[in-house]
Amino acid sequence: MNPAENYILKTPQPYCAILLELQVLIEHSAPEAQLLFKWHLPFYYLDGKMFCFLNFRKRFVDLSFVYGTDLNDPDQHLVAGENRKRLRSLRYHNVDEIDAEVVIGFLEQMKTFLKS
């Protein structure tokens, strides 16, 4: 098993369910993205560039975008946190908080940003 998939499956509930739901949305939106295990986290790469990554943080899960400050976020869904300069995240405490339309919108924006 891929170490990134192992990370997701070994995460305790309800966070494993959040990670699995986000994994489905990412792989649906960017089927060409490659799932790798970098810095002890599941990272998705698109055309050799960091696309996004998943991070379980004891009480929540982040779907993070390394170039998050370049994304259009008029409804302020993205969280900066921890003195991050460019990185921004969508943060979830349970699977019911996930709005697939919002997640896919940011994934599509990131795909466009990486291609420019």
PDB file of N, CA and C in Angstrom:
ATOM      1  N   MET A   1       0.841  -1.183   0.000  1.00  0.00           N
ATOM      2  CA  MET A   1       0.000   0.000   0.000  1.00  0.00           C
ATOM      3  C   MET A   1       0.886   1.246   0.000  1.00  0.00           C
ATOM      4  N   ASN A   2       0.468   2.219  -0.738  1.00  0.00           N
ATOM      5  CA  ASN A   2       1.133   3.511  -0.809  1.00  0.00           C
ATOM      6  C   ASN A   2       1.165   4.138   0.592  1.00  0.00           C
ATOM      7  N   PRO A   3       2.315   4.681   1.046  1.00  0.00           N
ATOM      8  CA  PRO A   3       2.376   5.300   2.382  1.00  0.00           C
ATOM      9  C   PRO A   3       1.369   6.434   2.579  1.00  0.00           C
ATOM     10  N   ALA A   4       1.043   7.159   1.525  1.00  0.00           N
ATOM     11  CA  ALA A   4       0.050   8.231   1.634  1.00  0.00           C
ATOM     12  C   ALA A   4      -1.333   7.642   1.914  1.00  0.00           C
ATOM     13  N   GLU A   5      -1.669   6.562   1.234  1.00  0.00           N
ATOM     14  CA  GLU A   5      -2.950   5.901   1.481  1.00  0.00           C
ATOM     15  C   GLU A   5      -2.974   5.299   2.884  1.00  0.00           C
ATOM     16  N   ASN A   6      -1.859   4.751   3.315  1.00  0.00           N
ATOM     17  CA  ASN A   6      -1.743   4.191   4.657  1.00  0.00           C
ATOM     18  C   ASN A   6      -1.988   5.280   5.720  1.00  0.00           C
ATOM     19  N   TYR A   7      -1.418   6.465   5.511  1.00  0.00           N
ATOM     20  CA  TYR A   7      -1.625   7.611   6.408  1.00  0.00           C
ATOM     21  C   TYR A   7      -3.122   7.892   6.548  1.00  0.00           C
ATOM     22  N   ILE A   8      -3.817   7.928   5.427  1.00  0.00           N
ATOM     23  CA  ILE A   8      -5.248   8.237   5.427  1.00  0.00           C
ATOM     24  C   ILE A   8      -6.029   7.156   6.171  1.00  0.00           C
ATOM     25  N   LEU A   9      -5.765   5.905   5.856  1.00  0.00           N
ATOM     26  CA  LEU A   9      -6.527   4.800   6.436  1.00  0.00           C
ATOM     27  C   LEU A   9      -6.238   4.574   7.919  1.00  0.00           C
ATOM     28  N   LYS A  10      -5.056   4.969   8.389  1.00  0.00           N
ATOM     29  CA  LYS A  10      -4.699   4.771   9.797  1.00  0.00           C
ATOM     30  C   LYS A  10      -5.118   5.946  10.690  1.00  0.00           C
ATOM     31  N   THR A  11      -5.625   6.998  10.109  1.00  0.00           N
ATOM     32  CA  THR A  11      -6.090   8.146  10.889  1.00  0.00           C
ATOM     33  C   THR A  11      -7.376   7.760  11.628  1.00  0.00           C
ATOM     34  N   PRO A  12      -7.507   8.147  12.887  1.00  0.00           N
ATOM     35  CA  PRO A  12      -8.715   7.774  13.643  1.00  0.00           C
ATOM     36  C   PRO A  12      -9.970   8.465  13.091  1.00  0.00           C
ATOM     37  N   GLN A  13     -11.108   7.835  13.358  1.00  0.00           N
ATOM     38  CA  GLN A  13     -12.391   8.426  12.977  1.00  0.00           C
ATOM     39  C   GLN A  13     -12.702   9.573  13.932  1.00  0.00           C
ATOM     40  N   PRO A  14     -13.401  10.593  13.537  1.00  0.00           N
ATOM     41  CA  PRO A  14     -14.073  10.777  12.253  1.00  0.00           C
ATOM     42  C   PRO A  14     -13.162  11.375  11.182  1.00  0.00           C
ATOM     43  N   TYR A  15     -11.879  11.554  11.502  1.00  0.00           N
ATOM     44  CA  TYR A  15     -10.959  12.244  10.601  1.00  0.00           C
ATOM     45  C   TYR A  15     -10.591  11.406   9.375  1.00  0.00           C
ATOM     46  N   CYS A  16     -10.588  10.090   9.536  1.00  0.00           N
ATOM     47  CA  CYS A  16     -10.341   9.217   8.393  1.00  0.00           C
ATOM     48  C   CYS A  16     -11.433   9.431   7.343  1.00  0.00           C
ATOM     49  N   ALA A  17     -12.681   9.533   7.771  1.00  0.00           N
ATOM     50  CA  ALA A  17     -13.792   9.758   6.841  1.00  0.00           C
ATOM     51  C   ALA A  17     -13.639  11.092   6.115  1.00  0.00           C
ATOM     52  N   ILE A  18     -13.165  12.108   6.819  1.00  0.00           N
ATOM     53  CA  ILE A  18     -12.928  13.419   6.193  1.00  0.00           C
ATOM     54  C   ILE A  18     -11.845  13.288   5.135  1.00  0.00           C
ATOM     55  N   LEU A  19     -10.737  12.644   5.487  1.00  0.00           N
ATOM     56  CA  LEU A  19      -9.631  12.460   4.536  1.00  0.00           C
ATOM     57  C   LEU A  19     -10.080  11.673   3.309  1.00  0.00           C
ATOM     58  N   LEU A  20     -10.854  10.625   3.520  1.00  0.00           N
ATOM     59  CA  LEU A  20     -11.332   9.827   2.390  1.00  0.00           C
ATOM     60  C   LEU A  20     -12.259  10.636   1.481  1.00  0.00           C
ATOM     61  N   GLU A  21     -13.137  11.427   2.073  1.00  0.00           N
ATOM     62  CA  GLU A  21     -14.036  12.268   1.273  1.00  0.00           C
ATOM     63  C   GLU A  21     -13.235  13.289   0.460  1.00  0.00           C
ATOM     64  N   LEU A  22     -12.255  13.913   1.082  1.00  0.00           N
ATOM     65  CA  LEU A  22     -11.420  14.882   0.359  1.00  0.00           C
ATOM     66  C   LEU A  22     -10.606  14.189  -0.730  1.00  0.00           C
ATOM     67  N   GLN A  23     -10.122  12.991  -0.457  1.00  0.00           N
ATOM     68  CA  GLN A  23      -9.371  12.238  -1.460  1.00  0.00           C
ATOM     69  C   GLN A  23     -10.243  11.974  -2.690  1.00  0.00           C
ATOM     70  N   VAL A  24     -11.489  11.589  -2.474  1.00  0.00           N
ATOM     71  CA  VAL A  24     -12.410  11.347  -3.588  1.00  0.00           C
ATOM     72  C   VAL A  24     -12.613  12.628  -4.394  1.00  0.00           C
ATOM     73  N   LEU A  25     -12.820  13.752  -3.717  1.00  0.00           N
ATOM     74  CA  LEU A  25     -13.044  15.028  -4.423  1.00  0.00           C
ATOM     75  C   LEU A  25     -11.812  15.449  -5.206  1.00  0.00           C
ATOM     76  N   ILE A  26     -10.638  15.279  -4.620  1.00  0.00           N
ATOM     77  CA  ILE A  26      -9.387  15.645  -5.315  1.00  0.00           C
ATOM     78  C   ILE A  26      -9.204  14.775  -6.548  1.00  0.00           C
ATOM     79  N   GLU A  27      -9.358  13.476  -6.382  1.00  0.00           N
ATOM     80  CA  GLU A  27      -9.108  12.560  -7.493  1.00  0.00           C
ATOM     81  C   GLU A  27     -10.191  12.659  -8.563  1.00  0.00           C
ATOM     82  N   HIS A  28     -11.382  13.091  -8.195  1.00  0.00           N
ATOM     83  CA  HIS A  28     -12.429  13.350  -9.185  1.00  0.00           C
ATOM     84  C   HIS A  28     -12.112  14.626  -9.975  1.00  0.00           C
ATOM     85  N   SER A  29     -11.653  15.656  -9.273  1.00  0.00           N
ATOM     86  CA  SER A  29     -11.373  16.946  -9.909  1.00  0.00           C
ATOM     87  C   SER A  29     -10.083  16.943 -10.713  1.00  0.00           C
ATOM     88  N   ALA A  30      -9.122  16.167 -10.263  1.00  0.00           N
ATOM     89  CA  ALA A  30      -7.814  16.134 -10.917  1.00  0.00           C
ATOM     90  C   ALA A  30      -7.324  14.681 -11.017  1.00  0.00           C
ATOM     91  N   PRO A  31      -7.966  13.884 -11.879  1.00  0.00           N
ATOM     92  CA  PRO A  31      -7.582  12.472 -11.976  1.00  0.00           C
ATOM     93  C   PRO A  31      -6.129  12.271 -12.408  1.00  0.00           C
ATOM     94  N   GLU A  32      -5.560  13.282 -13.008  1.00  0.00           N
ATOM     95  CA  GLU A  32      -4.165  13.193 -13.457  1.00  0.00           C
ATOM     96  C   GLU A  32      -3.171  13.501 -12.331  1.00  0.00           C
ATOM     97  N   ALA A  33      -3.658  13.938 -11.175  1.00  0.00           N
ATOM     98  CA  ALA A  33      -2.784  14.263 -10.044  1.00  0.00           C
ATOM     99  C   ALA A  33      -2.174  12.984  -9.476  1.00  0.00           C
ATOM    100  N   GLN A  34      -0.952  13.100  -9.034  1.00  0.00           N
ATOM    101  CA  GLN A  34      -0.214  11.967  -8.476  1.00  0.00           C
ATOM    102  C   GLN A  34      -0.151  12.104  -6.962  1.00  0.00           C
ATOM    103  N   LEU A  35      -0.563  11.055  -6.248  1.00  0.00           N
ATOM    104  CA  LEU A  35      -0.534  11.037  -4.788  1.00  0.00           C
ATOM    105  C   LEU A  35       0.824  10.518  -4.330  1.00  0.00           C
ATOM    106  N   LEU A  36       1.558  11.356  -3.593  1.00  0.00           N
ATOM    107  CA  LEU A  36       2.876  11.001  -3.065  1.00  0.00           C
ATOM    108  C   LEU A  36       2.887  11.230  -1.558  1.00  0.00           C
ATOM    109  N   PHE A  37       3.892  10.696  -0.894  1.00  0.00           N
ATOM    110  CA  PHE A  37       4.039  10.873   0.547  1.00  0.00           C
ATOM    111  C   PHE A  37       5.298  11.699   0.780  1.00  0.00           C
ATOM    112  N   LYS A  38       5.120  12.977   1.118  1.00  0.00           N
ATOM    113  CA  LYS A  38       6.232  13.905   1.336  1.00  0.00           C
ATOM    114  C   LYS A  38       6.087  14.542   2.703  1.00  0.00           C
ATOM    115  N   TRP A  39       7.180  14.701   3.393  1.00  0.00           N
ATOM    116  CA  TRP A  39       7.179  15.331   4.716  1.00  0.00           C
ATOM    117  C   TRP A  39       6.147  14.685   5.645  1.00  0.00           C
ATOM    118  N   HIS A  40       5.978  13.382   5.509  1.00  0.00           N
ATOM    119  CA  HIS A  40       5.068  12.580   6.332  1.00  0.00           C
ATOM    120  C   HIS A  40       3.600  12.929   6.114  1.00  0.00           C
ATOM    121  N   LEU A  41       3.265  13.466   4.941  1.00  0.00           N
ATOM    122  CA  LEU A  41       1.891  13.848   4.616  1.00  0.00           C
ATOM    123  C   LEU A  41       1.537  13.422   3.194  1.00  0.00           C
ATOM    124  N   PRO A  42       0.236  13.160   2.925  1.00  0.00           N
ATOM    125  CA  PRO A  42      -0.203  12.877   1.555  1.00  0.00           C
ATOM    126  C   PRO A  42      -0.239  14.169   0.728  1.00  0.00           C
ATOM    127  N   PHE A  43       0.608  14.234  -0.281  1.00  0.00           N
ATOM    128  CA  PHE A  43       0.684  15.375  -1.195  1.00  0.00           C
ATOM    129  C   PHE A  43       0.202  14.953  -2.569  1.00  0.00           C
ATOM    130  N   TYR A  44      -0.538  15.828  -3.203  1.00  0.00           N
ATOM    131  CA  TYR A  44      -0.906  15.619  -4.604  1.00  0.00           C
ATOM    132  C   TYR A  44      -0.053  16.556  -5.452  1.00  0.00           C
ATOM    133  N   TYR A  45       0.508  15.985  -6.521  1.00  0.00           N
ATOM    134  CA  TYR A  45       1.318  16.746  -7.469  1.00  0.00           C
ATOM    135  C   TYR A  45       0.623  16.720  -8.815  1.00  0.00           C
ATOM    136  N   LEU A  46       0.697  17.834  -9.505  1.00  0.00           N
ATOM    137  CA  LEU A  46       0.112  17.978 -10.828  1.00  0.00           C
ATOM    138  C   LEU A  46       1.192  18.512 -11.750  1.00  0.00           C
ATOM    139  N   ASP A  47       1.530  17.755 -12.766  1.00  0.00           N
ATOM    140  CA  ASP A  47       2.600  18.138 -13.699  1.00  0.00           C
ATOM    141  C   ASP A  47       3.898  18.458 -12.961  1.00  0.00           C
ATOM    142  N   GLY A  48       4.214  17.672 -11.931  1.00  0.00           N
ATOM    143  CA  GLY A  48       5.452  17.850 -11.173  1.00  0.00           C
ATOM    144  C   GLY A  48       5.436  18.993 -10.173  1.00  0.00           C
ATOM    145  N   LYS A  49       4.296  19.669 -10.026  1.00  0.00           N
ATOM    146  CA  LYS A  49       4.190  20.798  -9.092  1.00  0.00           C
ATOM    147  C   LYS A  49       3.253  20.430  -7.950  1.00  0.00           C
ATOM    148  N   MET A  50       3.532  20.978  -6.737  1.00  0.00           N
ATOM    149  CA  MET A  50       2.659  20.740  -5.596  1.00  0.00           C
ATOM    150  C   MET A  50       1.275  21.305  -5.891  1.00  0.00           C
ATOM    151  N   PHE A  51       0.278  20.439  -5.786  1.00  0.00           N
ATOM    152  CA  PHE A  51      -1.099  20.815  -6.070  1.00  0.00           C
ATOM    153  C   PHE A  51      -1.843  21.103  -4.758  1.00  0.00           C
ATOM    154  N   CYS A  52      -1.839  20.132  -3.849  1.00  0.00           N
ATOM    155  CA  CYS A  52      -2.462  20.296  -2.541  1.00  0.00           C
ATOM    156  C   CYS A  52      -1.980  19.164  -1.643  1.00  0.00           C
ATOM    157  N   PHE A  53      -2.287  19.270  -0.348  1.00  0.00           N
ATOM    158  CA  PHE A  53      -1.959  18.171   0.546  1.00  0.00           C
ATOM    159  C   PHE A  53      -2.975  18.073   1.666  1.00  0.00           C
ATOM    160  N   LEU A  54      -3.001  16.891   2.277  1.00  0.00           N
ATOM    161  CA  LEU A  54      -3.926  16.597   3.369  1.00  0.00           C
ATOM    162  C   LEU A  54      -3.142  16.493   4.662  1.00  0.00           C
ATOM    163  N   ASN A  55      -3.730  17.011   5.752  1.00  0.00           N
ATOM    164  CA  ASN A  55      -3.027  17.001   7.024  1.00  0.00           C
ATOM    165  C   ASN A  55      -4.022  16.817   8.166  1.00  0.00           C
ATOM    166  N   PHE A  56      -3.851  15.729   8.930  1.00  0.00           N
ATOM    167  CA  PHE A  56      -4.648  15.493  10.129  1.00  0.00           C
ATOM    168  C   PHE A  56      -3.934  16.148  11.296  1.00  0.00           C
ATOM    169  N   ARG A  57      -4.643  17.013  12.048  1.00  0.00           N
ATOM    170  CA  ARG A  57      -4.031  17.788  13.124  1.00  0.00           C
ATOM    171  C   ARG A  57      -4.737  17.606  14.469  1.00  0.00           C
ATOM    172  N   LYS A  58      -4.907  16.411  14.947  1.00  0.00           N
ATOM    173  CA  LYS A  58      -5.497  16.050  16.242  1.00  0.00           C
ATOM    174  C   LYS A  58      -6.984  16.357  16.377  1.00  0.00           C
ATOM    175  N   ARG A  59      -7.425  17.560  16.002  1.00  0.00           N
ATOM    176  CA  ARG A  59      -8.838  17.906  16.146  1.00  0.00           C
ATOM    177  C   ARG A  59      -9.487  18.360  14.839  1.00  0.00           C
ATOM    178  N   PHE A  60      -8.744  18.327  13.761  1.00  0.00           N
ATOM    179  CA  PHE A  60      -9.288  18.731  12.470  1.00  0.00           C
ATOM    180  C   PHE A  60      -8.406  18.207  11.343  1.00  0.00           C
ATOM    181  N   VAL A  61      -8.926  18.351  10.125  1.00  0.00           N
ATOM    182  CA  VAL A  61      -8.186  17.995   8.918  1.00  0.00           C
ATOM    183  C   VAL A  61      -8.084  19.238   8.054  1.00  0.00           C
ATOM    184  N   ASP A  62      -6.902  19.478   7.516  1.00  0.00           N
ATOM    185  CA  ASP A  62      -6.686  20.565   6.560  1.00  0.00           C
ATOM    186  C   ASP A  62      -6.521  20.000   5.157  1.00  0.00           C
ATOM    187  N   LEU A  63      -7.182  20.621   4.200  1.00  0.00           N
ATOM    188  CA  LEU A  63      -6.866  20.456   2.784  1.00  0.00           C
ATOM    189  C   LEU A  63      -6.119  21.734   2.442  1.00  0.00           C
ATOM    190  N   SER A  64      -4.821  21.609   2.222  1.00  0.00           N
ATOM    191  CA  SER A  64      -3.962  22.792   2.115  1.00  0.00           C
ATOM    192  C   SER A  64      -3.474  23.028   0.693  1.00  0.00           C
ATOM    193  N   PHE A  65      -3.338  24.315   0.382  1.00  0.00           N
ATOM    194  CA  PHE A  65      -2.844  24.767  -0.913  1.00  0.00           C
ATOM    195  C   PHE A  65      -1.597  25.604  -0.673  1.00  0.00           C
ATOM    196  N   VAL A  66      -0.468  25.157  -1.208  1.00  0.00           N
ATOM    197  CA  VAL A  66       0.802  25.844  -0.976  1.00  0.00           C
ATOM    198  C   VAL A  66       0.743  27.285  -1.482  1.00  0.00           C
ATOM    199  N   TYR A  67       0.062  27.518  -2.583  1.00  0.00           N
ATOM    200  CA  TYR A  67      -0.052  28.873  -3.138  1.00  0.00           C
ATOM    201  C   TYR A  67      -1.456  29.431  -2.874  1.00  0.00           C
ATOM    202  N   GLY A  68      -1.957  29.198  -1.689  1.00  0.00           N
ATOM    203  CA  GLY A  68      -3.320  29.582  -1.332  1.00  0.00           C
ATOM    204  C   GLY A  68      -3.606  31.065  -1.408  1.00  0.00           C
ATOM    205  N   THR A  69      -2.594  31.899  -1.199  1.00  0.00           N
ATOM    206  CA  THR A  69      -2.828  33.347  -1.260  1.00  0.00           C
ATOM    207  C   THR A  69      -3.125  33.805  -2.689  1.00  0.00           C
ATOM    208  N   ASP A  70      -2.854  32.949  -3.671  1.00  0.00           N
ATOM    209  CA  ASP A  70      -3.132  33.291  -5.064  1.00  0.00           C
ATOM    210  C   ASP A  70      -4.535  32.870  -5.497  1.00  0.00           C
ATOM    211  N   LEU A  71      -5.283  32.259  -4.592  1.00  0.00           N
ATOM    212  CA  LEU A  71      -6.639  31.813  -4.911  1.00  0.00           C
ATOM    213  C   LEU A  71      -7.654  32.897  -4.564  1.00  0.00           C
ATOM    214  N   ASN A  72      -8.691  32.974  -5.374  1.00  0.00           N
ATOM    215  CA  ASN A  72      -9.781  33.909  -5.143  1.00  0.00           C
ATOM    216  C   ASN A  72     -10.690  33.315  -4.062  1.00  0.00           C
ATOM    217  N   ASP A  73     -10.855  34.037  -2.951  1.00  0.00           N
ATOM    218  CA  ASP A  73     -11.621  33.532  -1.815  1.00  0.00           C
ATOM    219  C   ASP A  73     -12.516  34.634  -1.234  1.00  0.00           C
ATOM    220  N   PRO A  74     -13.503  35.109  -2.015  1.00  0.00           N
ATOM    221  CA  PRO A  74     -14.335  36.226  -1.533  1.00  0.00           C
ATOM    222  C   PRO A  74     -15.175  35.869  -0.301  1.00  0.00           C
ATOM    223  N   ASP A  75     -15.506  34.591  -0.112  1.00  0.00           N
ATOM    224  CA  ASP A  75     -16.320  34.186   1.034  1.00  0.00           C
ATOM    225  C   ASP A  75     -15.484  33.759   2.230  1.00  0.00           C
ATOM    226  N   GLN A  76     -14.186  33.921   2.120  1.00  0.00           N
ATOM    227  CA  GLN A  76     -13.225  33.657   3.195  1.00  0.00           C
ATOM    228  C   GLN A  76     -13.362  32.256   3.804  1.00  0.00           C
ATOM    229  N   HIS A  77     -13.297  31.264   2.918  1.00  0.00           N
ATOM    230  CA  HIS A  77     -13.303  29.869   3.352  1.00  0.00           C
ATOM    231  C   HIS A  77     -11.915  29.422   3.798  1.00  0.00           C
ATOM    232  N   LEU A  78     -10.884  30.037   3.238  1.00  0.00           N
ATOM    233  CA  LEU A  78      -9.511  29.606   3.499  1.00  0.00           C
ATOM    234  C   LEU A  78      -8.979  30.162   4.815  1.00  0.00           C
ATOM    235  N   VAL A  79      -8.225  29.324   5.511  1.00  0.00           N
ATOM    236  CA  VAL A  79      -7.636  29.666   6.799  1.00  0.00           C
ATOM    237  C   VAL A  79      -6.131  29.831   6.617  1.00  0.00           C
ATOM    238  N   ALA A  80      -5.566  30.888   7.201  1.00  0.00           N
ATOM    239  CA  ALA A  80      -4.117  31.088   7.138  1.00  0.00           C
ATOM    240  C   ALA A  80      -3.465  30.271   8.241  1.00  0.00           C
ATOM    241  N   GLY A  81      -3.659  30.624   9.468  1.00  0.00           N
ATOM    242  CA  GLY A  81      -3.147  29.883  10.619  1.00  0.00           C
ATOM    243  C   GLY A  81      -1.646  29.738  10.691  1.00  0.00           C
ATOM    244  N   GLU A  82      -1.125  29.675  11.885  1.00  0.00           N
ATOM    245  CA  GLU A  82       0.268  29.342  12.185  1.00  0.00           C
ATOM    246  C   GLU A  82       1.302  30.159  11.403  1.00  0.00           C
ATOM    247  N   ASN A  83       1.072  31.435  11.266  1.00  0.00           N
ATOM    248  CA  ASN A  83       2.006  32.349  10.597  1.00  0.00           C
ATOM    249  C   ASN A  83       2.391  31.910   9.190  1.00  0.00           C
ATOM    250  N   ARG A  84       1.464  31.323   8.477  1.00  0.00           N
ATOM    251  CA  ARG A  84       1.726  30.879   7.109  1.00  0.00           C
ATOM    252  C   ARG A  84       1.729  32.087   6.181  1.00  0.00           C
ATOM    253  N   LYS A  85       2.753  32.181   5.354  1.00  0.00           N
ATOM    254  CA  LYS A  85       2.841  33.324   4.445  1.00  0.00           C
ATOM    255  C   LYS A  85       2.000  33.122   3.192  1.00  0.00           C
ATOM    256  N   ARG A  86       2.107  31.979   2.544  1.00  0.00           N
ATOM    257  CA  ARG A  86       1.389  31.737   1.291  1.00  0.00           C
ATOM    258  C   ARG A  86       0.370  30.612   1.400  1.00  0.00           C
ATOM    259  N   LEU A  87       0.627  29.671   2.277  1.00  0.00           N
ATOM    260  CA  LEU A  87      -0.222  28.492   2.391  1.00  0.00           C
ATOM    261  C   LEU A  87      -1.572  28.846   3.014  1.00  0.00           C
ATOM    262  N   ARG A  88      -2.629  28.295   2.422  1.00  0.00           N
ATOM    263  CA  ARG A  88      -3.976  28.465   2.960  1.00  0.00           C
ATOM    264  C   ARG A  88      -4.660  27.107   2.944  1.00  0.00           C
ATOM    265  N   SER A  89      -5.620  26.915   3.865  1.00  0.00           N
ATOM    266  CA  SER A  89      -6.270  25.616   4.016  1.00  0.00           C
ATOM    267  C   SER A  89      -7.778  25.739   4.147  1.00  0.00           C
ATOM    268  N   LEU A  90      -8.444  24.681   3.721  1.00  0.00           N
ATOM    269  CA  LEU A  90      -9.834  24.451   4.072  1.00  0.00           C
ATOM    270  C   LEU A  90      -9.780  23.517   5.271  1.00  0.00           C
ATOM    271  N   ARG A  91     -10.440  23.872   6.363  1.00  0.00           N
ATOM    272  CA  ARG A  91     -10.324  23.127   7.623  1.00  0.00           C
ATOM    273  C   ARG A  91     -11.666  22.473   7.957  1.00  0.00           C
ATOM    274  N   TYR A  92     -11.587  21.188   8.348  1.00  0.00           N
ATOM    275  CA  TYR A  92     -12.798  20.417   8.643  1.00  0.00           C
ATOM    276  C   TYR A  92     -12.671  19.661   9.959  1.00  0.00           C
ATOM    277  N   HIS A  93     -13.738  19.716  10.755  1.00  0.00           N
ATOM    278  CA  HIS A  93     -13.812  18.989  12.026  1.00  0.00           C
ATOM    279  C   HIS A  93     -14.675  17.740  11.909  1.00  0.00           C
ATOM    280  N   ASN A  94     -15.564  17.713  10.917  1.00  0.00           N
ATOM    281  CA  ASN A  94     -16.358  16.519  10.638  1.00  0.00           C
ATOM    282  C   ASN A  94     -16.738  16.509   9.162  1.00  0.00           C
ATOM    283  N   VAL A  95     -17.121  15.343   8.680  1.00  0.00           N
ATOM    284  CA  VAL A  95     -17.371  15.160   7.252  1.00  0.00           C
ATOM    285  C   VAL A  95     -18.559  15.998   6.764  1.00  0.00           C
ATOM    286  N   ASP A  96     -19.513  16.286   7.646  1.00  0.00           N
ATOM    287  CA  ASP A  96     -20.687  17.071   7.256  1.00  0.00           C
ATOM    288  C   ASP A  96     -20.345  18.516   6.895  1.00  0.00           C
ATOM    289  N   GLU A  97     -19.193  18.999   7.327  1.00  0.00           N
ATOM    290  CA  GLU A  97     -18.777  20.372   7.023  1.00  0.00           C
ATOM    291  C   GLU A  97     -18.278  20.521   5.585  1.00  0.00           C
ATOM    292  N   ILE A  98     -17.968  19.424   4.938  1.00  0.00           N
ATOM    293  CA  ILE A  98     -17.390  19.484   3.591  1.00  0.00           C
ATOM    294  C   ILE A  98     -18.458  19.880   2.587  1.00  0.00           C
ATOM    295  N   ASP A  99     -18.220  20.993   1.900  1.00  0.00           N
ATOM    296  CA  ASP A  99     -19.074  21.451   0.812  1.00  0.00           C
ATOM    297  C   ASP A  99     -18.324  21.122  -0.480  1.00  0.00           C
ATOM    298  N   ALA A 100     -18.774  20.084  -1.167  1.00  0.00           N
ATOM    299  CA  ALA A 100     -18.063  19.607  -2.360  1.00  0.00           C
ATOM    300  C   ALA A 100     -17.887  20.713  -3.395  1.00  0.00           C
ATOM    301  N   GLU A 101     -18.867  21.563  -3.557  1.00  0.00           N
ATOM    302  CA  GLU A 101     -18.790  22.650  -4.535  1.00  0.00           C
ATOM    303  C   GLU A 101     -17.645  23.610  -4.198  1.00  0.00           C
ATOM    304  N   VAL A 102     -17.488  23.934  -2.918  1.00  0.00           N
ATOM    305  CA  VAL A 102     -16.404  24.822  -2.482  1.00  0.00           C
ATOM    306  C   VAL A 102     -15.052  24.149  -2.715  1.00  0.00           C
ATOM    307  N   VAL A 103     -14.929  22.894  -2.308  1.00  0.00           N
ATOM    308  CA  VAL A 103     -13.661  22.170  -2.474  1.00  0.00           C
ATOM    309  C   VAL A 103     -13.284  22.090  -3.945  1.00  0.00           C
ATOM    310  N   ILE A 104     -14.217  21.680  -4.779  1.00  0.00           N
ATOM    311  CA  ILE A 104     -13.936  21.550  -6.215  1.00  0.00           C
ATOM    312  C   ILE A 104     -13.592  22.901  -6.821  1.00  0.00           C
ATOM    313  N   GLY A 105     -14.254  23.957  -6.376  1.00  0.00           N
ATOM    314  CA  GLY A 105     -13.948  25.300  -6.878  1.00  0.00           C
ATOM    315  C   GLY A 105     -12.497  25.686  -6.613  1.00  0.00           C
ATOM    316  N   PHE A 106     -12.011  25.423  -5.404  1.00  0.00           N
ATOM    317  CA  PHE A 106     -10.608  25.740  -5.087  1.00  0.00           C
ATOM    318  C   PHE A 106      -9.642  24.827  -5.838  1.00  0.00           C
ATOM    319  N   LEU A 107      -9.996  23.566  -5.991  1.00  0.00           N
ATOM    320  CA  LEU A 107      -9.140  22.648  -6.753  1.00  0.00           C
ATOM    321  C   LEU A 107      -9.030  23.099  -8.215  1.00  0.00           C
ATOM    322  N   GLU A 108     -10.143  23.522  -8.789  1.00  0.00           N
ATOM    323  CA  GLU A 108     -10.126  24.018 -10.180  1.00  0.00           C
ATOM    324  C   GLU A 108      -9.290  25.290 -10.298  1.00  0.00           C
ATOM    325  N   GLN A 109      -9.419  26.186  -9.319  1.00  0.00           N
ATOM    326  CA  GLN A 109      -8.596  27.395  -9.331  1.00  0.00           C
ATOM    327  C   GLN A 109      -7.117  27.053  -9.266  1.00  0.00           C
ATOM    328  N   MET A 110      -6.773  26.096  -8.412  1.00  0.00           N
ATOM    329  CA  MET A 110      -5.375  25.708  -8.256  1.00  0.00           C
ATOM    330  C   MET A 110      -4.848  25.087  -9.543  1.00  0.00           C
ATOM    331  N   LYS A 111      -5.649  24.276 -10.207  1.00  0.00           N
ATOM    332  CA  LYS A 111      -5.228  23.704 -11.490  1.00  0.00           C
ATOM    333  C   LYS A 111      -4.912  24.810 -12.499  1.00  0.00           C
ATOM    334  N   THR A 112      -5.774  25.800 -12.563  1.00  0.00           N
ATOM    335  CA  THR A 112      -5.569  26.925 -13.482  1.00  0.00           C
ATOM    336  C   THR A 112      -4.306  27.696 -13.101  1.00  0.00           C
ATOM    337  N   PHE A 113      -4.114  27.943 -11.796  1.00  0.00           N
ATOM    338  CA  PHE A 113      -2.937  28.677 -11.335  1.00  0.00           C
ATOM    339  C   PHE A 113      -1.660  27.947 -11.706  1.00  0.00           C
ATOM    340  N   LEU A 114      -1.615  26.646 -11.520  1.00  0.00           N
ATOM    341  CA  LEU A 114      -0.398  25.882 -11.802  1.00  0.00           C
ATOM    342  C   LEU A 114      -0.081  25.823 -13.291  1.00  0.00           C
ATOM    343  N   LYS A 115      -1.095  25.943 -14.126  1.00  0.00           N
ATOM    344  CA  LYS A 115      -0.881  25.901 -15.582  1.00  0.00           C
ATOM    345  C   LYS A 115      -0.430  27.242 -16.129  1.00  0.00           C
ATOM    346  N   SER A 116      -0.598  28.311 -15.337  1.00  0.00           N
ATOM    347  CA  SER A 116      -0.237  29.663 -15.846  1.00  0.00           C
ATOM    348  C   SER A 116       1.247  29.947 -15.664  1.00  0.00           C
TER     349      SER A 116
END
